[in-house]
Amino acid sequence: MQLSFSYQKKKVIQALRYHFVQRSEIRILIILVNVFAILSAVLFYTKKIRPEPFLLGSFIWIMLMASFWYILPHTIYKRAATFKDSFIINFTDRAVLLENERGSIDWTWEKFSRYFESPHFFHLYFDSKSFFLVPKDDMAEEFKHELRALLNSKIGQ
């Protein structure tokens, strides 16, 4: 199976957001900050605490959301030259071959630890922090189904 693609900035930014939200430590951090913000709001409303903890909780929540939703995805997009290239990717029973005008790389299926699917991409993970995005934009529905079957058989979720 072969696919030719290039990346669209808005969709890559959204995929990077999905990546961050999928990480368990970030989910836990978001939950803890939300609990702190809600608890401080309730305590402030009932006049048990002064406004500073409530304002601190609100500020931390806003900064956390801004960093994971805007700052980190845009920073990663700007730093990674990968998102500005065009690629041809081949999926075989043995490996994944990625090519562009500068060269090629061959990844055996054992290199991948897991994958997951977001609305616009297949996220192929090498480890918990390293991954490659395969856009679904130019894929026919039959191609997507075949690729899902291949990924499930070779990597698993």
N, C-alpha and C. Protein backbone atom coordinates (compact mmCIF):
# COMPACT_ATOMS: atom_id res chain seq x y z
N MET A 1 0.85 -1.16 0.00
CA MET A 1 0.00 0.00 0.00
C MET A 1 0.89 1.23 0.00
N GLN A 2 0.61 2.14 -0.88
CA GLN A 2 1.43 3.34 -1.02
C GLN A 2 0.57 4.58 -0.92
N LEU A 3 1.14 5.63 -0.29
CA LEU A 3 0.43 6.90 -0.11
C LEU A 3 1.42 8.04 -0.29
N SER A 4 1.00 9.05 -1.02
CA SER A 4 1.78 10.27 -1.20
C SER A 4 1.07 11.37 -0.42
N PHE A 5 1.83 12.15 0.37
CA PHE A 5 1.17 13.17 1.19
C PHE A 5 2.11 14.30 1.57
N SER A 6 1.50 15.40 1.99
CA SER A 6 2.18 16.50 2.66
C SER A 6 1.26 16.95 3.78
N TYR A 7 1.77 17.75 4.67
CA TYR A 7 1.02 18.11 5.88
C TYR A 7 0.34 19.47 5.72
N GLN A 8 -0.80 19.61 6.40
CA GLN A 8 -1.50 20.89 6.51
C GLN A 8 -1.37 21.38 7.94
N LYS A 9 -0.95 22.62 8.10
CA LYS A 9 -0.61 23.15 9.42
C LYS A 9 -1.74 22.99 10.44
N LYS A 10 -2.95 23.40 10.11
CA LYS A 10 -4.05 23.33 11.07
C LYS A 10 -4.31 21.91 11.55
N LYS A 11 -4.23 20.97 10.64
CA LYS A 11 -4.49 19.57 11.02
C LYS A 11 -3.35 18.99 11.85
N VAL A 12 -2.12 19.40 11.55
CA VAL A 12 -0.98 18.93 12.35
C VAL A 12 -1.06 19.48 13.77
N ILE A 13 -1.42 20.76 13.89
CA ILE A 13 -1.57 21.37 15.22
C ILE A 13 -2.62 20.60 16.02
N GLN A 14 -3.73 20.27 15.38
CA GLN A 14 -4.79 19.50 16.06
C GLN A 14 -4.28 18.11 16.45
N ALA A 15 -3.50 17.47 15.59
CA ALA A 15 -2.95 16.15 15.90
C ALA A 15 -1.98 16.23 17.07
N LEU A 16 -1.21 17.28 17.15
CA LEU A 16 -0.30 17.45 18.28
C LEU A 16 -1.08 17.65 19.58
N ARG A 17 -2.21 18.32 19.50
CA ARG A 17 -3.07 18.46 20.69
C ARG A 17 -3.58 17.09 21.13
N TYR A 18 -3.99 16.27 20.19
CA TYR A 18 -4.42 14.91 20.53
C TYR A 18 -3.29 14.14 21.19
N HIS A 19 -2.08 14.32 20.68
CA HIS A 19 -0.93 13.64 21.28
C HIS A 19 -0.77 14.02 22.75
N PHE A 20 -0.83 15.32 23.04
CA PHE A 20 -0.65 15.76 24.42
C PHE A 20 -1.77 15.27 25.32
N VAL A 21 -3.00 15.31 24.85
CA VAL A 21 -4.13 14.89 25.67
C VAL A 21 -4.10 13.38 25.92
N GLN A 22 -3.51 12.61 25.02
CA GLN A 22 -3.42 11.16 25.19
C GLN A 22 -2.42 10.75 26.28
N ARG A 23 -1.51 11.62 26.63
CA ARG A 23 -0.48 11.28 27.62
C ARG A 23 -1.09 11.25 29.02
N SER A 24 -0.85 10.17 29.74
CA SER A 24 -1.49 9.99 31.05
C SER A 24 -1.06 11.05 32.06
N GLU A 25 0.22 11.44 32.06
CA GLU A 25 0.67 12.44 33.03
C GLU A 25 0.01 13.80 32.79
N ILE A 26 -0.28 14.12 31.54
CA ILE A 26 -0.94 15.38 31.24
C ILE A 26 -2.42 15.31 31.65
N ARG A 27 -3.04 14.16 31.41
CA ARG A 27 -4.43 14.00 31.86
C ARG A 27 -4.53 14.16 33.37
N ILE A 28 -3.63 13.54 34.10
CA ILE A 28 -3.64 13.64 35.56
C ILE A 28 -3.42 15.08 35.99
N LEU A 29 -2.48 15.76 35.37
CA LEU A 29 -2.21 17.16 35.69
C LEU A 29 -3.43 18.03 35.44
N ILE A 30 -4.09 17.82 34.32
CA ILE A 30 -5.29 18.61 34.01
C ILE A 30 -6.39 18.34 35.04
N ILE A 31 -6.57 17.08 35.41
CA ILE A 31 -7.58 16.74 36.42
C ILE A 31 -7.26 17.40 37.76
N LEU A 32 -6.01 17.32 38.18
CA LEU A 32 -5.63 17.92 39.46
C LEU A 32 -5.81 19.44 39.46
N VAL A 33 -5.42 20.09 38.39
CA VAL A 33 -5.59 21.54 38.30
C VAL A 33 -7.06 21.91 38.28
N ASN A 34 -7.88 21.13 37.57
CA ASN A 34 -9.32 21.40 37.55
C ASN A 34 -9.95 21.20 38.93
N VAL A 35 -9.55 20.15 39.63
CA VAL A 35 -10.07 19.92 40.98
C VAL A 35 -9.67 21.07 41.90
N PHE A 36 -8.41 21.51 41.81
CA PHE A 36 -7.95 22.63 42.63
C PHE A 36 -8.74 23.89 42.30
N ALA A 37 -8.95 24.16 41.01
CA ALA A 37 -9.68 25.37 40.61
C ALA A 37 -11.12 25.32 41.09
N ILE A 38 -11.77 24.18 40.95
CA ILE A 38 -13.17 24.05 41.38
C ILE A 38 -13.27 24.16 42.90
N LEU A 39 -12.38 23.47 43.60
CA LEU A 39 -12.39 23.52 45.06
C LEU A 39 -12.14 24.94 45.56
N SER A 40 -11.17 25.62 44.98
CA SER A 40 -10.90 26.99 45.41
C SER A 40 -12.06 27.92 45.07
N ALA A 41 -12.75 27.68 43.95
CA ALA A 41 -13.92 28.50 43.60
C ALA A 41 -15.04 28.28 44.62
N VAL A 42 -15.28 27.03 45.00
CA VAL A 42 -16.33 26.73 45.98
C VAL A 42 -15.97 27.35 47.33
N LEU A 43 -14.73 27.18 47.75
CA LEU A 43 -14.31 27.74 49.04
C LEU A 43 -14.34 29.27 49.03
N PHE A 44 -13.99 29.86 47.92
CA PHE A 44 -14.06 31.32 47.82
C PHE A 44 -15.51 31.79 47.85
N TYR A 45 -16.40 31.09 47.16
CA TYR A 45 -17.81 31.46 47.12
C TYR A 45 -18.45 31.35 48.51
N THR A 46 -18.02 30.34 49.29
CA THR A 46 -18.56 30.17 50.63
C THR A 46 -17.79 30.99 51.68
N LYS A 47 -16.89 31.85 51.23
CA LYS A 47 -16.12 32.76 52.08
C LYS A 47 -15.19 32.04 53.06
N LYS A 48 -14.74 30.85 52.69
CA LYS A 48 -13.81 30.09 53.54
C LYS A 48 -12.36 30.48 53.27
N ILE A 49 -12.07 30.98 52.07
CA ILE A 49 -10.71 31.40 51.72
C ILE A 49 -10.75 32.78 51.10
N ARG A 50 -9.60 33.39 51.03
CA ARG A 50 -9.47 34.70 50.39
C ARG A 50 -9.43 34.50 48.87
N PRO A 51 -9.48 35.54 48.09
CA PRO A 51 -9.53 35.40 46.63
C PRO A 51 -8.22 34.94 46.00
N GLU A 52 -7.08 35.04 46.70
CA GLU A 52 -5.80 34.69 46.09
C GLU A 52 -5.72 33.23 45.65
N PRO A 53 -6.11 32.24 46.47
CA PRO A 53 -6.05 30.85 45.99
C PRO A 53 -6.96 30.61 44.78
N PHE A 54 -8.13 31.25 44.80
CA PHE A 54 -9.03 31.12 43.66
C PHE A 54 -8.40 31.71 42.41
N LEU A 55 -7.82 32.88 42.52
CA LEU A 55 -7.16 33.51 41.38
C LEU A 55 -5.94 32.71 40.92
N LEU A 56 -5.19 32.15 41.87
CA LEU A 56 -4.04 31.31 41.52
C LEU A 56 -4.49 30.06 40.77
N GLY A 57 -5.54 29.41 41.26
CA GLY A 57 -6.07 28.23 40.58
C GLY A 57 -6.56 28.56 39.17
N SER A 58 -7.23 29.68 39.04
CA SER A 58 -7.71 30.10 37.72
C SER A 58 -6.54 30.41 36.78
N PHE A 59 -5.54 31.09 37.30
CA PHE A 59 -4.36 31.42 36.49
C PHE A 59 -3.62 30.16 36.05
N ILE A 60 -3.43 29.22 36.97
CA ILE A 60 -2.74 27.97 36.61
C ILE A 60 -3.54 27.21 35.55
N TRP A 61 -4.85 27.16 35.71
CA TRP A 61 -5.69 26.47 34.73
C TRP A 61 -5.57 27.12 33.35
N ILE A 62 -5.65 28.44 33.29
CA ILE A 62 -5.54 29.15 32.02
C ILE A 62 -4.18 28.92 31.38
N MET A 63 -3.11 28.99 32.17
CA MET A 63 -1.76 28.78 31.63
C MET A 63 -1.57 27.34 31.15
N LEU A 64 -2.10 26.39 31.88
CA LEU A 64 -2.00 24.99 31.49
C LEU A 64 -2.71 24.75 30.16
N MET A 65 -3.93 25.24 30.05
CA MET A 65 -4.69 25.05 28.81
C MET A 65 -4.00 25.77 27.64
N ALA A 66 -3.50 26.96 27.88
CA ALA A 66 -2.82 27.70 26.81
C ALA A 66 -1.55 26.98 26.37
N SER A 67 -0.83 26.41 27.32
CA SER A 67 0.41 25.73 26.94
C SER A 67 0.15 24.46 26.14
N PHE A 68 -0.82 23.65 26.56
CA PHE A 68 -1.09 22.40 25.84
C PHE A 68 -1.91 22.62 24.58
N TRP A 69 -2.70 23.67 24.54
CA TRP A 69 -3.58 23.87 23.40
C TRP A 69 -2.95 24.76 22.32
N TYR A 70 -2.10 25.71 22.72
CA TYR A 70 -1.54 26.65 21.75
C TYR A 70 -0.01 26.64 21.69
N ILE A 71 0.63 26.86 22.82
CA ILE A 71 2.08 27.09 22.82
C ILE A 71 2.86 25.85 22.37
N LEU A 72 2.67 24.72 23.03
CA LEU A 72 3.43 23.51 22.68
C LEU A 72 3.19 23.03 21.24
N PRO A 73 1.95 22.90 20.78
CA PRO A 73 1.76 22.45 19.39
C PRO A 73 2.38 23.39 18.36
N HIS A 74 2.24 24.69 18.54
CA HIS A 74 2.82 25.63 17.58
C HIS A 74 4.35 25.62 17.62
N THR A 75 4.91 25.48 18.82
CA THR A 75 6.37 25.42 18.95
C THR A 75 6.92 24.18 18.26
N ILE A 76 6.29 23.05 18.49
CA ILE A 76 6.74 21.81 17.85
C ILE A 76 6.60 21.89 16.34
N TYR A 77 5.50 22.45 15.88
CA TYR A 77 5.29 22.58 14.43
C TYR A 77 6.38 23.44 13.80
N LYS A 78 6.72 24.55 14.43
CA LYS A 78 7.74 25.46 13.88
C LYS A 78 9.12 24.82 13.86
N ARG A 79 9.45 24.02 14.87
CA ARG A 79 10.79 23.43 14.98
C ARG A 79 10.99 22.22 14.07
N ALA A 80 9.92 21.51 13.74
CA ALA A 80 10.06 20.26 12.99
C ALA A 80 9.99 20.53 11.49
N ALA A 81 11.08 20.29 10.80
CA ALA A 81 11.11 20.46 9.35
C ALA A 81 10.28 19.40 8.64
N THR A 82 9.99 18.31 9.33
CA THR A 82 9.22 17.21 8.75
C THR A 82 7.88 17.67 8.22
N PHE A 83 7.24 18.58 8.92
CA PHE A 83 5.89 19.00 8.54
C PHE A 83 5.86 19.88 7.29
N LYS A 84 7.00 20.29 6.80
CA LYS A 84 7.05 21.12 5.61
C LYS A 84 7.41 20.32 4.35
N ASP A 85 7.72 19.04 4.51
CA ASP A 85 8.11 18.18 3.39
C ASP A 85 6.91 17.43 2.80
N SER A 86 7.14 16.88 1.62
CA SER A 86 6.18 15.96 1.00
C SER A 86 6.80 14.57 1.05
N PHE A 87 5.96 13.55 1.24
CA PHE A 87 6.44 12.19 1.43
C PHE A 87 5.68 11.20 0.57
N ILE A 88 6.32 10.06 0.39
CA ILE A 88 5.68 8.86 -0.14
C ILE A 88 5.94 7.78 0.90
N ILE A 89 4.87 7.14 1.36
CA ILE A 89 5.00 6.10 2.37
C ILE A 89 4.44 4.81 1.81
N ASN A 90 5.19 3.72 2.02
CA ASN A 90 4.79 2.39 1.59
C ASN A 90 4.63 1.50 2.81
N PHE A 91 3.47 0.87 2.92
CA PHE A 91 3.21 -0.08 3.99
C PHE A 91 3.26 -1.48 3.40
N THR A 92 4.16 -2.31 3.93
CA THR A 92 4.26 -3.69 3.48
C THR A 92 4.10 -4.61 4.69
N ASP A 93 4.08 -5.90 4.45
CA ASP A 93 3.99 -6.85 5.56
C ASP A 93 5.27 -6.87 6.40
N ARG A 94 6.37 -6.44 5.81
CA ARG A 94 7.66 -6.48 6.49
C ARG A 94 7.99 -5.17 7.21
N ALA A 95 7.64 -4.02 6.58
CA ALA A 95 8.10 -2.74 7.13
C ALA A 95 7.29 -1.58 6.57
N VAL A 96 7.68 -0.40 7.04
CA VAL A 96 7.14 0.87 6.54
C VAL A 96 8.31 1.62 5.92
N LEU A 97 8.17 1.99 4.64
CA LEU A 97 9.22 2.72 3.94
C LEU A 97 8.73 4.14 3.70
N LEU A 98 9.50 5.11 4.18
CA LEU A 98 9.16 6.53 4.02
C LEU A 98 10.20 7.18 3.14
N GLU A 99 9.74 7.90 2.11
CA GLU A 99 10.65 8.53 1.16
C GLU A 99 10.27 9.99 0.95
N ASN A 100 11.29 10.82 0.72
CA ASN A 100 11.09 12.17 0.20
C ASN A 100 12.28 12.50 -0.68
N GLU A 101 12.38 13.74 -1.14
CA GLU A 101 13.44 14.09 -2.09
C GLU A 101 14.83 14.03 -1.48
N ARG A 102 14.93 14.05 -0.17
CA ARG A 102 16.24 14.02 0.49
C ARG A 102 16.71 12.62 0.84
N GLY A 103 15.81 11.62 0.79
CA GLY A 103 16.24 10.27 1.13
C GLY A 103 15.06 9.41 1.54
N SER A 104 15.41 8.29 2.17
CA SER A 104 14.36 7.36 2.62
C SER A 104 14.79 6.68 3.91
N ILE A 105 13.80 6.12 4.59
CA ILE A 105 14.05 5.36 5.81
C ILE A 105 13.10 4.18 5.82
N ASP A 106 13.60 3.09 6.36
CA ASP A 106 12.84 1.84 6.40
C ASP A 106 12.66 1.47 7.87
N TRP A 107 11.40 1.43 8.35
CA TRP A 107 11.12 1.05 9.72
C TRP A 107 10.46 -0.32 9.73
N THR A 108 11.06 -1.27 10.42
CA THR A 108 10.39 -2.56 10.59
C THR A 108 9.25 -2.38 11.58
N TRP A 109 8.30 -3.27 11.54
CA TRP A 109 7.12 -3.13 12.41
C TRP A 109 7.49 -3.20 13.89
N GLU A 110 8.61 -3.85 14.23
CA GLU A 110 9.03 -3.96 15.62
C GLU A 110 9.44 -2.61 16.20
N LYS A 111 9.77 -1.66 15.35
CA LYS A 111 10.17 -0.32 15.82
C LYS A 111 9.00 0.44 16.45
N PHE A 112 7.77 0.09 16.07
CA PHE A 112 6.60 0.80 16.55
C PHE A 112 6.08 0.14 17.82
N SER A 113 5.75 0.96 18.81
CA SER A 113 5.23 0.44 20.06
C SER A 113 3.71 0.41 20.09
N ARG A 114 3.08 1.38 19.44
CA ARG A 114 1.61 1.44 19.39
C ARG A 114 1.20 2.44 18.32
N TYR A 115 -0.10 2.51 18.11
CA TYR A 115 -0.65 3.54 17.23
C TYR A 115 -2.02 3.92 17.74
N PHE A 116 -2.47 5.11 17.35
CA PHE A 116 -3.87 5.45 17.55
C PHE A 116 -4.31 6.35 16.42
N GLU A 117 -5.60 6.47 16.28
CA GLU A 117 -6.18 7.19 15.16
C GLU A 117 -6.93 8.41 15.68
N SER A 118 -6.60 9.57 15.12
CA SER A 118 -7.33 10.79 15.41
C SER A 118 -8.14 11.14 14.16
N PRO A 119 -8.94 12.19 14.19
CA PRO A 119 -9.80 12.46 13.02
C PRO A 119 -9.05 12.64 11.70
N HIS A 120 -7.84 13.16 11.72
CA HIS A 120 -7.13 13.44 10.47
C HIS A 120 -5.86 12.64 10.27
N PHE A 121 -5.43 11.84 11.27
CA PHE A 121 -4.14 11.16 11.19
C PHE A 121 -4.17 9.79 11.84
N PHE A 122 -3.21 8.97 11.40
CA PHE A 122 -2.79 7.79 12.14
C PHE A 122 -1.51 8.21 12.84
N HIS A 123 -1.44 8.05 14.15
CA HIS A 123 -0.26 8.38 14.94
C HIS A 123 0.49 7.07 15.16
N LEU A 124 1.67 6.94 14.56
CA LEU A 124 2.49 5.73 14.72
C LEU A 124 3.60 6.04 15.73
N TYR A 125 3.54 5.41 16.90
CA TYR A 125 4.48 5.70 17.98
C TYR A 125 5.66 4.75 17.99
N PHE A 126 6.86 5.33 18.12
CA PHE A 126 8.08 4.56 18.32
C PHE A 126 8.27 4.29 19.81
N ASP A 127 8.02 5.30 20.62
CA ASP A 127 8.01 5.18 22.07
C ASP A 127 6.98 6.19 22.58
N SER A 128 6.98 6.48 23.85
CA SER A 128 5.92 7.33 24.39
C SER A 128 5.98 8.77 23.90
N LYS A 129 7.14 9.21 23.43
CA LYS A 129 7.28 10.61 23.01
C LYS A 129 7.58 10.77 21.52
N SER A 130 8.04 9.74 20.84
CA SER A 130 8.41 9.83 19.43
C SER A 130 7.35 9.16 18.58
N PHE A 131 6.88 9.90 17.59
CA PHE A 131 5.84 9.35 16.74
C PHE A 131 5.91 9.96 15.34
N PHE A 132 5.20 9.34 14.42
CA PHE A 132 5.10 9.84 13.06
C PHE A 132 3.63 9.92 12.69
N LEU A 133 3.26 11.02 12.04
CA LEU A 133 1.87 11.24 11.65
C LEU A 133 1.66 10.85 10.19
N VAL A 134 0.65 10.03 9.94
CA VAL A 134 0.27 9.66 8.57
C VAL A 134 -1.11 10.27 8.31
N PRO A 135 -1.19 11.28 7.43
CA PRO A 135 -2.48 11.93 7.19
C PRO A 135 -3.48 11.02 6.48
N LYS A 136 -4.75 11.18 6.84
CA LYS A 136 -5.81 10.39 6.24
C LYS A 136 -6.52 11.14 5.10
N ASP A 137 -6.11 12.36 4.81
CA ASP A 137 -6.80 13.20 3.83
C ASP A 137 -6.92 12.56 2.45
N ASP A 138 -5.84 12.04 1.93
CA ASP A 138 -5.83 11.51 0.57
C ASP A 138 -6.11 10.01 0.51
N MET A 139 -6.57 9.44 1.60
CA MET A 139 -6.83 8.00 1.64
C MET A 139 -8.29 7.72 1.28
N ALA A 140 -8.47 6.73 0.43
CA ALA A 140 -9.82 6.25 0.16
C ALA A 140 -10.28 5.42 1.37
N GLU A 141 -11.57 5.25 1.53
CA GLU A 141 -12.08 4.49 2.67
C GLU A 141 -11.54 3.07 2.68
N GLU A 142 -11.43 2.45 1.52
CA GLU A 142 -10.89 1.09 1.45
C GLU A 142 -9.44 1.05 1.92
N PHE A 143 -8.65 2.07 1.53
CA PHE A 143 -7.26 2.16 1.96
C PHE A 143 -7.18 2.29 3.48
N LYS A 144 -8.05 3.13 4.07
CA LYS A 144 -8.06 3.30 5.53
C LYS A 144 -8.37 1.99 6.23
N HIS A 145 -9.35 1.25 5.72
CA HIS A 145 -9.71 -0.03 6.34
C HIS A 145 -8.56 -1.03 6.23
N GLU A 146 -7.91 -1.09 5.08
CA GLU A 146 -6.77 -2.00 4.91
C GLU A 146 -5.63 -1.60 5.83
N LEU A 147 -5.38 -0.29 5.94
CA LEU A 147 -4.30 0.19 6.80
C LEU A 147 -4.62 -0.10 8.27
N ARG A 148 -5.85 0.11 8.70
CA ARG A 148 -6.24 -0.22 10.07
C ARG A 148 -6.00 -1.70 10.36
N ALA A 149 -6.38 -2.55 9.42
CA ALA A 149 -6.19 -3.99 9.61
C ALA A 149 -4.70 -4.32 9.71
N LEU A 150 -3.89 -3.71 8.84
CA LEU A 150 -2.45 -3.94 8.87
C LEU A 150 -1.84 -3.45 10.18
N LEU A 151 -2.22 -2.25 10.61
CA LEU A 151 -1.69 -1.70 11.85
C LEU A 151 -2.11 -2.56 13.05
N ASN A 152 -3.35 -3.01 13.06
CA ASN A 152 -3.81 -3.87 14.16
C ASN A 152 -3.04 -5.18 14.21
N SER A 153 -2.76 -5.75 13.04
CA SER A 153 -2.05 -7.03 13.02
C SER A 153 -0.56 -6.88 13.35
N LYS A 154 0.03 -5.76 12.97
CA LYS A 154 1.48 -5.59 13.16
C LYS A 154 1.85 -4.86 14.44
N ILE A 155 1.01 -3.91 14.88
CA ILE A 155 1.36 -3.10 16.05
C ILE A 155 0.39 -3.34 17.20
N GLY A 156 -0.90 -3.23 16.94
CA GLY A 156 -1.90 -3.27 18.00
C GLY A 156 -2.03 -1.91 18.64
N GLN A 157 -3.10 -1.71 19.39
CA GLN A 157 -3.33 -0.39 19.98
C GLN A 157 -2.96 -0.34 21.43
